[in-house]
Amino acid sequence: MSKSYRKHPFCGMTTAESEKKDKQLAHRRERRIVRQILGSDPLRPVLPHRREVSNVWSFDKDGKQRLSTDSPYFEQIMRK
C-alpha cells in the first residue's frame, strides 16, 4: 500500500503501538475464570461479564486525540 494516508486525524494518547498484549492477557484471564466456573458447577453457570474481568482503562493506550493541522509533524503522522 504505497502512498496510503489516514482518513481521519486521530491517534492514540501514548507512544504504545497497540493494545494487543493487553487484550491477550484480558482474554486469557476471562477464559481461565470461565473454565473455573464451568468446572465447579456445569449445570448452573453464572458467567462474568467481560468488563468485570478486565479494565479497559488500564490498557496501554488511553483514549484518542485529534491531531492539529498546525503541527509540523502532521503530514508524517497522517502517513500509515
PDB file of N, CA and C in Angstrom:
ATOM      1  N   MET A   1       0.844  -1.175   0.000  1.00  0.00           N
ATOM      2  CA  MET A   1       0.000   0.000   0.000  1.00  0.00           C
ATOM      3  C   MET A   1       0.894   1.244   0.000  1.00  0.00           C
ATOM      4  N   SER A   2       1.397   1.574  -1.119  1.00  0.00           N
ATOM      5  CA  SER A   2       2.214   2.769  -1.170  1.00  0.00           C
ATOM      6  C   SER A   2       1.325   4.006  -1.196  1.00  0.00           C
ATOM      7  N   LYS A   3       1.820   5.054  -0.597  1.00  0.00           N
ATOM      8  CA  LYS A   3       1.121   6.343  -0.577  1.00  0.00           C
ATOM      9  C   LYS A   3      -0.243   6.258   0.101  1.00  0.00           C
ATOM     10  N   SER A   4      -0.359   5.448   1.137  1.00  0.00           N
ATOM     11  CA  SER A   4      -1.647   5.381   1.832  1.00  0.00           C
ATOM     12  C   SER A   4      -1.638   6.347   3.008  1.00  0.00           C
ATOM     13  N   TYR A   5      -2.743   7.003   3.221  1.00  0.00           N
ATOM     14  CA  TYR A   5      -2.886   8.000   4.270  1.00  0.00           C
ATOM     15  C   TYR A   5      -4.068   7.666   5.166  1.00  0.00           C
ATOM     16  N   ARG A   6      -4.009   8.161   6.385  1.00  0.00           N
ATOM     17  CA  ARG A   6      -5.148   8.025   7.287  1.00  0.00           C
ATOM     18  C   ARG A   6      -6.301   8.880   6.771  1.00  0.00           C
ATOM     19  N   LYS A   7      -7.495   8.433   7.040  1.00  0.00           N
ATOM     20  CA  LYS A   7      -8.663   9.195   6.597  1.00  0.00           C
ATOM     21  C   LYS A   7      -9.058  10.247   7.621  1.00  0.00           C
ATOM     22  N   HIS A   8      -8.805   9.966   8.894  1.00  0.00           N
ATOM     23  CA  HIS A   8      -9.209  10.870   9.960  1.00  0.00           C
ATOM     24  C   HIS A   8      -8.002  11.195  10.836  1.00  0.00           C
ATOM     25  N   PRO A   9      -7.842  12.427  11.247  1.00  0.00           N
ATOM     26  CA  PRO A   9      -6.661  12.829  12.015  1.00  0.00           C
ATOM     27  C   PRO A   9      -6.759  12.516  13.509  1.00  0.00           C
ATOM     28  N   PHE A  10      -6.831  11.233  13.881  1.00  0.00           N
ATOM     29  CA  PHE A  10      -6.874  10.816  15.270  1.00  0.00           C
ATOM     30  C   PHE A  10      -5.778   9.787  15.506  1.00  0.00           C
ATOM     31  N   CYS A  11      -5.211   9.801  16.699  1.00  0.00           N
ATOM     32  CA  CYS A  11      -4.240   8.770  17.068  1.00  0.00           C
ATOM     33  C   CYS A  11      -4.330   8.544  18.572  1.00  0.00           C
ATOM     34  N   GLY A  12      -3.639   7.521  19.072  1.00  0.00           N
ATOM     35  CA  GLY A  12      -3.670   7.183  20.483  1.00  0.00           C
ATOM     36  C   GLY A  12      -2.975   8.219  21.347  1.00  0.00           C
ATOM     37  N   MET A  13      -3.276   8.205  22.648  1.00  0.00           N
ATOM     38  CA  MET A  13      -2.738   9.198  23.574  1.00  0.00           C
ATOM     39  C   MET A  13      -1.294   8.911  24.004  1.00  0.00           C
ATOM     40  N   THR A  14      -0.788   7.708  23.784  1.00  0.00           N
ATOM     41  CA  THR A  14       0.555   7.377  24.258  1.00  0.00           C
ATOM     42  C   THR A  14       1.425   6.931  23.104  1.00  0.00           C
ATOM     43  N   THR A  15       2.623   6.500  23.446  1.00  0.00           N
ATOM     44  CA  THR A  15       3.549   6.013  22.431  1.00  0.00           C
ATOM     45  C   THR A  15       3.372   4.526  22.170  1.00  0.00           C
ATOM     46  N   ALA A  16       2.434   3.872  22.849  1.00  0.00           N
ATOM     47  CA  ALA A  16       2.196   2.445  22.636  1.00  0.00           C
ATOM     48  C   ALA A  16       1.642   2.234  21.232  1.00  0.00           C
ATOM     49  N   GLU A  17       2.203   1.268  20.534  1.00  0.00           N
ATOM     50  CA  GLU A  17       1.758   0.997  19.170  1.00  0.00           C
ATOM     51  C   GLU A  17       0.376   0.348  19.153  1.00  0.00           C
ATOM     52  N   SER A  18       0.165  -0.634  20.031  1.00  0.00           N
ATOM     53  CA  SER A  18      -1.125  -1.311  20.022  1.00  0.00           C
ATOM     54  C   SER A  18      -1.447  -1.823  21.429  1.00  0.00           C
ATOM     55  N   GLU A  19      -2.635  -2.354  21.556  1.00  0.00           N
ATOM     56  CA  GLU A  19      -3.091  -2.933  22.821  1.00  0.00           C
ATOM     57  C   GLU A  19      -3.179  -4.451  22.716  1.00  0.00           C
ATOM     58  N   LYS A  20      -2.450  -5.034  21.788  1.00  0.00           N
ATOM     59  CA  LYS A  20      -2.550  -6.463  21.532  1.00  0.00           C
ATOM     60  C   LYS A  20      -2.221  -7.289  22.775  1.00  0.00           C
ATOM     61  N   LYS A  21      -1.126  -6.992  23.449  1.00  0.00           N
ATOM     62  CA  LYS A  21      -0.742  -7.748  24.643  1.00  0.00           C
ATOM     63  C   LYS A  21      -1.776  -7.594  25.757  1.00  0.00           C
ATOM     64  N   ASP A  22      -2.277  -6.391  25.941  1.00  0.00           N
ATOM     65  CA  ASP A  22      -3.296  -6.168  26.968  1.00  0.00           C
ATOM     66  C   ASP A  22      -4.550  -6.977  26.680  1.00  0.00           C
ATOM     67  N   LYS A  23      -4.964  -7.000  25.423  1.00  0.00           N
ATOM     68  CA  LYS A  23      -6.163  -7.750  25.049  1.00  0.00           C
ATOM     69  C   LYS A  23      -5.942  -9.251  25.210  1.00  0.00           C
ATOM     70  N   GLN A  24      -4.748  -9.732  24.851  1.00  0.00           N
ATOM     71  CA  GLN A  24      -4.451 -11.149  25.024  1.00  0.00           C
ATOM     72  C   GLN A  24      -4.529 -11.549  26.494  1.00  0.00           C
ATOM     73  N   LEU A  25      -3.917 -10.754  27.355  1.00  0.00           N
ATOM     74  CA  LEU A  25      -3.941 -11.064  28.785  1.00  0.00           C
ATOM     75  C   LEU A  25      -5.356 -11.013  29.354  1.00  0.00           C
ATOM     76  N   ALA A  26      -6.146 -10.050  28.911  1.00  0.00           N
ATOM     77  CA  ALA A  26      -7.521  -9.927  29.400  1.00  0.00           C
ATOM     78  C   ALA A  26      -8.357 -11.130  28.964  1.00  0.00           C
ATOM     79  N   HIS A  27      -8.202 -11.570  27.718  1.00  0.00           N
ATOM     80  CA  HIS A  27      -8.976 -12.718  27.243  1.00  0.00           C
ATOM     81  C   HIS A  27      -8.526 -14.012  27.925  1.00  0.00           C
ATOM     82  N   ARG A  28      -7.229 -14.144  28.162  1.00  0.00           N
ATOM     83  CA  ARG A  28      -6.744 -15.326  28.885  1.00  0.00           C
ATOM     84  C   ARG A  28      -7.322 -15.365  30.292  1.00  0.00           C
ATOM     85  N   ARG A  29      -7.353 -14.210  30.952  1.00  0.00           N
ATOM     86  CA  ARG A  29      -7.915 -14.124  32.301  1.00  0.00           C
ATOM     87  C   ARG A  29      -9.397 -14.497  32.284  1.00  0.00           C
ATOM     88  N   GLU A  30     -10.114 -13.994  31.286  1.00  0.00           N
ATOM     89  CA  GLU A  30     -11.549 -14.289  31.184  1.00  0.00           C
ATOM     90  C   GLU A  30     -11.783 -15.777  30.930  1.00  0.00           C
ATOM     91  N   ARG A  31     -11.013 -16.367  30.014  1.00  0.00           N
ATOM     92  CA  ARG A  31     -11.190 -17.790  29.721  1.00  0.00           C
ATOM     93  C   ARG A  31     -10.863 -18.655  30.930  1.00  0.00           C
ATOM     94  N   ARG A  32      -9.830 -18.280  31.690  1.00  0.00           N
ATOM     95  CA  ARG A  32      -9.461 -19.041  32.885  1.00  0.00           C
ATOM     96  C   ARG A  32     -10.592 -19.000  33.916  1.00  0.00           C
ATOM     97  N   ILE A  33     -11.183 -17.848  34.127  1.00  0.00           N
ATOM     98  CA  ILE A  33     -12.274 -17.716  35.096  1.00  0.00           C
ATOM     99  C   ILE A  33     -13.498 -18.507  34.645  1.00  0.00           C
ATOM    100  N   VAL A  34     -13.806 -18.462  33.351  1.00  0.00           N
ATOM    101  CA  VAL A  34     -14.956 -19.206  32.823  1.00  0.00           C
ATOM    102  C   VAL A  34     -14.733 -20.708  32.987  1.00  0.00           C
ATOM    103  N   ARG A  35     -13.516 -21.177  32.707  1.00  0.00           N
ATOM    104  CA  ARG A  35     -13.223 -22.606  32.886  1.00  0.00           C
ATOM    105  C   ARG A  35     -13.368 -23.021  34.348  1.00  0.00           C
ATOM    106  N   GLN A  36     -12.931 -22.176  35.265  1.00  0.00           N
ATOM    107  CA  GLN A  36     -13.060 -22.497  36.685  1.00  0.00           C
ATOM    108  C   GLN A  36     -14.520 -22.566  37.102  1.00  0.00           C
ATOM    109  N   ILE A  37     -15.326 -21.634  36.603  1.00  0.00           N
ATOM    110  CA  ILE A  37     -16.755 -21.625  36.951  1.00  0.00           C
ATOM    111  C   ILE A  37     -17.455 -22.846  36.385  1.00  0.00           C
ATOM    112  N   LEU A  38     -17.171 -23.169  35.114  1.00  0.00           N
ATOM    113  CA  LEU A  38     -17.810 -24.329  34.491  1.00  0.00           C
ATOM    114  C   LEU A  38     -17.336 -25.636  35.122  1.00  0.00           C
ATOM    115  N   GLY A  39     -16.106 -25.677  35.585  1.00  0.00           N
ATOM    116  CA  GLY A  39     -15.590 -26.879  36.227  1.00  0.00           C
ATOM    117  C   GLY A  39     -16.190 -27.111  37.595  1.00  0.00           C
ATOM    118  N   SER A  40     -16.548 -26.066  38.280  1.00  0.00           N
ATOM    119  CA  SER A  40     -17.092 -26.217  39.628  1.00  0.00           C
ATOM    120  C   SER A  40     -18.574 -26.594  39.611  1.00  0.00           C
ATOM    121  N   ASP A  41     -19.354 -26.009  38.706  1.00  0.00           N
ATOM    122  CA  ASP A  41     -20.790 -26.299  38.650  1.00  0.00           C
ATOM    123  C   ASP A  41     -21.264 -26.172  37.199  1.00  0.00           C
ATOM    124  N   PRO A  42     -21.146 -27.232  36.394  1.00  0.00           N
ATOM    125  CA  PRO A  42     -21.500 -27.131  34.973  1.00  0.00           C
ATOM    126  C   PRO A  42     -23.003 -27.013  34.707  1.00  0.00           C
ATOM    127  N   LEU A  43     -23.850 -27.345  35.678  1.00  0.00           N
ATOM    128  CA  LEU A  43     -25.291 -27.302  35.439  1.00  0.00           C
ATOM    129  C   LEU A  43     -25.873 -25.902  35.595  1.00  0.00           C
ATOM    130  N   ARG A  44     -25.245 -25.063  36.401  1.00  0.00           N
ATOM    131  CA  ARG A  44     -25.785 -23.732  36.643  1.00  0.00           C
ATOM    132  C   ARG A  44     -24.676 -22.675  36.555  1.00  0.00           C
ATOM    133  N   PRO A  45     -24.201 -22.422  35.351  1.00  0.00           N
ATOM    134  CA  PRO A  45     -23.120 -21.439  35.238  1.00  0.00           C
ATOM    135  C   PRO A  45     -23.643 -19.997  35.264  1.00  0.00           C
ATOM    136  N   VAL A  46     -22.989 -19.181  36.040  1.00  0.00           N
ATOM    137  CA  VAL A  46     -23.246 -17.745  36.054  1.00  0.00           C
ATOM    138  C   VAL A  46     -21.926 -17.113  35.621  1.00  0.00           C
ATOM    139  N   LEU A  47     -21.826 -16.819  34.341  1.00  0.00           N
ATOM    140  CA  LEU A  47     -20.567 -16.344  33.793  1.00  0.00           C
ATOM    141  C   LEU A  47     -20.415 -14.845  34.006  1.00  0.00           C
ATOM    142  N   PRO A  48     -19.191 -14.395  34.247  1.00  0.00           N
ATOM    143  CA  PRO A  48     -18.958 -12.966  34.455  1.00  0.00           C
ATOM    144  C   PRO A  48     -18.992 -12.194  33.142  1.00  0.00           C
ATOM    145  N   HIS A  49     -19.320 -10.956  33.239  1.00  0.00           N
ATOM    146  CA  HIS A  49     -19.278 -10.080  32.076  1.00  0.00           C
ATOM    147  C   HIS A  49     -17.824  -9.715  31.800  1.00  0.00           C
ATOM    148  N   ARG A  50     -17.507  -9.447  30.551  1.00  0.00           N
ATOM    149  CA  ARG A  50     -16.126  -9.145  30.174  1.00  0.00           C
ATOM    150  C   ARG A  50     -15.571  -7.948  30.939  1.00  0.00           C
ATOM    151  N   ARG A  51     -16.401  -6.960  31.205  1.00  0.00           N
ATOM    152  CA  ARG A  51     -15.947  -5.759  31.911  1.00  0.00           C
ATOM    153  C   ARG A  51     -15.678  -6.019  33.395  1.00  0.00           C
ATOM    154  N   GLU A  52     -16.257  -7.096  33.944  1.00  0.00           N
ATOM    155  CA  GLU A  52     -15.988  -7.447  35.333  1.00  0.00           C
ATOM    156  C   GLU A  52     -14.608  -8.071  35.491  1.00  0.00           C
ATOM    157  N   VAL A  53     -14.097  -8.659  34.427  1.00  0.00           N
ATOM    158  CA  VAL A  53     -12.823  -9.372  34.483  1.00  0.00           C
ATOM    159  C   VAL A  53     -11.653  -8.447  34.179  1.00  0.00           C
ATOM    160  N   SER A  54     -11.803  -7.553  33.215  1.00  0.00           N
ATOM    161  CA  SER A  54     -10.696  -6.674  32.842  1.00  0.00           C
ATOM    162  C   SER A  54     -11.163  -5.227  32.807  1.00  0.00           C
ATOM    163  N   ASN A  55     -10.211  -4.328  32.937  1.00  0.00           N
ATOM    164  CA  ASN A  55     -10.494  -2.907  32.936  1.00  0.00           C
ATOM    165  C   ASN A  55      -9.832  -2.290  31.713  1.00  0.00           C
ATOM    166  N   VAL A  56     -10.608  -1.830  30.745  1.00  0.00           N
ATOM    167  CA  VAL A  56     -10.038  -1.278  29.518  1.00  0.00           C
ATOM    168  C   VAL A  56      -9.311   0.034  29.770  1.00  0.00           C
ATOM    169  N   TRP A  57      -9.592   0.684  30.880  1.00  0.00           N
ATOM    170  CA  TRP A  57      -8.924   1.947  31.180  1.00  0.00           C
ATOM    171  C   TRP A  57      -7.493   1.732  31.659  1.00  0.00           C
ATOM    172  N   SER A  58      -7.149   0.511  32.005  1.00  0.00           N
ATOM    173  CA  SER A  58      -5.782   0.241  32.440  1.00  0.00           C
ATOM    174  C   SER A  58      -4.900  -0.253  31.297  1.00  0.00           C
ATOM    175  N   PHE A  59      -5.424  -0.316  30.088  1.00  0.00           N
ATOM    176  CA  PHE A  59      -4.629  -0.731  28.938  1.00  0.00           C
ATOM    177  C   PHE A  59      -3.624   0.358  28.590  1.00  0.00           C
ATOM    178  N   ASP A  60      -2.625   0.001  27.757  1.00  0.00           N
ATOM    179  CA  ASP A  60      -1.538   0.933  27.429  1.00  0.00           C
ATOM    180  C   ASP A  60      -2.030   2.196  26.731  1.00  0.00           C
ATOM    181  N   LYS A  61      -2.866   2.038  25.715  1.00  0.00           N
ATOM    182  CA  LYS A  61      -3.382   3.219  25.013  1.00  0.00           C
ATOM    183  C   LYS A  61      -4.598   3.717  25.761  1.00  0.00           C
ATOM    184  N   ASP A  62      -4.578   4.967  26.136  1.00  0.00           N
ATOM    185  CA  ASP A  62      -5.659   5.503  26.951  1.00  0.00           C
ATOM    186  C   ASP A  62      -6.392   6.581  26.161  1.00  0.00           C
ATOM    187  N   GLY A  63      -7.326   6.185  25.352  1.00  0.00           N
ATOM    188  CA  GLY A  63      -8.119   7.140  24.602  1.00  0.00           C
ATOM    189  C   GLY A  63      -7.457   7.590  23.312  1.00  0.00           C
ATOM    190  N   LYS A  64      -8.037   8.570  22.687  1.00  0.00           N
ATOM    191  CA  LYS A  64      -7.532   9.092  21.423  1.00  0.00           C
ATOM    192  C   LYS A  64      -7.462  10.608  21.486  1.00  0.00           C
ATOM    193  N   GLN A  65      -6.689  11.157  20.577  1.00  0.00           N
ATOM    194  CA  GLN A  65      -6.583  12.608  20.494  1.00  0.00           C
ATOM    195  C   GLN A  65      -6.672  13.028  19.031  1.00  0.00           C
ATOM    196  N   ARG A  66      -7.174  14.212  18.827  1.00  0.00           N
ATOM    197  CA  ARG A  66      -7.277  14.759  17.475  1.00  0.00           C
ATOM    198  C   ARG A  66      -5.977  15.497  17.159  1.00  0.00           C
ATOM    199  N   LEU A  67      -5.444  15.274  15.981  1.00  0.00           N
ATOM    200  CA  LEU A  67      -4.195  15.907  15.577  1.00  0.00           C
ATOM    201  C   LEU A  67      -4.462  17.299  15.040  1.00  0.00           C
ATOM    202  N   SER A  68      -3.579  18.198  15.370  1.00  0.00           N
ATOM    203  CA  SER A  68      -3.700  19.567  14.895  1.00  0.00           C
ATOM    204  C   SER A  68      -3.067  19.692  13.519  1.00  0.00           C
ATOM    205  N   THR A  69      -3.736  20.379  12.618  1.00  0.00           N
ATOM    206  CA  THR A  69      -3.177  20.575  11.277  1.00  0.00           C
ATOM    207  C   THR A  69      -2.036  21.578  11.295  1.00  0.00           C
ATOM    208  N   ASP A  70      -1.872  22.315  12.382  1.00  0.00           N
ATOM    209  CA  ASP A  70      -0.787  23.288  12.501  1.00  0.00           C
ATOM    210  C   ASP A  70       0.538  22.635  12.878  1.00  0.00           C
ATOM    211  N   SER A  71       0.497  21.394  13.308  1.00  0.00           N
ATOM    212  CA  SER A  71       1.695  20.701  13.749  1.00  0.00           C
ATOM    213  C   SER A  71       2.655  20.472  12.579  1.00  0.00           C
ATOM    214  N   PRO A  72       3.968  20.619  12.808  1.00  0.00           N
ATOM    215  CA  PRO A  72       4.926  20.360  11.728  1.00  0.00           C
ATOM    216  C   PRO A  72       5.014  18.877  11.379  1.00  0.00           C
ATOM    217  N   TYR A  73       4.528  17.991  12.259  1.00  0.00           N
ATOM    218  CA  TYR A  73       4.573  16.553  12.013  1.00  0.00           C
ATOM    219  C   TYR A  73       3.265  15.999  11.469  1.00  0.00           C
ATOM    220  N   PHE A  74       2.334  16.866  11.108  1.00  0.00           N
ATOM    221  CA  PHE A  74       1.003  16.423  10.695  1.00  0.00           C
ATOM    222  C   PHE A  74       1.073  15.481   9.492  1.00  0.00           C
ATOM    223  N   GLU A  75       1.816  15.855   8.459  1.00  0.00           N
ATOM    224  CA  GLU A  75       1.910  15.015   7.267  1.00  0.00           C
ATOM    225  C   GLU A  75       2.565  13.671   7.582  1.00  0.00           C
ATOM    226  N   GLN A  76       3.570  13.692   8.426  1.00  0.00           N
ATOM    227  CA  GLN A  76       4.272  12.473   8.785  1.00  0.00           C
ATOM    228  C   GLN A  76       3.369  11.529   9.580  1.00  0.00           C
ATOM    229  N   ILE A  77       2.573  12.071  10.505  1.00  0.00           N
ATOM    230  CA  ILE A  77       1.693  11.260  11.315  1.00  0.00           C
ATOM    231  C   ILE A  77       0.521  10.714  10.488  1.00  0.00           C
ATOM    232  N   MET A  78       0.070  11.473   9.518  1.00  0.00           N
ATOM    233  CA  MET A  78      -1.059  11.031   8.701  1.00  0.00           C
ATOM    234  C   MET A  78      -0.687   9.907   7.737  1.00  0.00           C
ATOM    235  N   ARG A  79       0.601   9.672   7.509  1.00  0.00           N
ATOM    236  CA  ARG A  79       1.025   8.546   6.694  1.00  0.00           C
ATOM    237  C   ARG A  79       0.830   7.262   7.477  1.00  0.00           C
ATOM    238  N   LYS A  80       0.389   6.199   6.857  1.00  0.00           N
ATOM    239  CA  LYS A  80       0.245   4.903   7.541  1.00  0.00           C
ATOM    240  C   LYS A  80       1.567   4.194   7.565  1.00  0.00           C
TER     241      LYS A  80
END
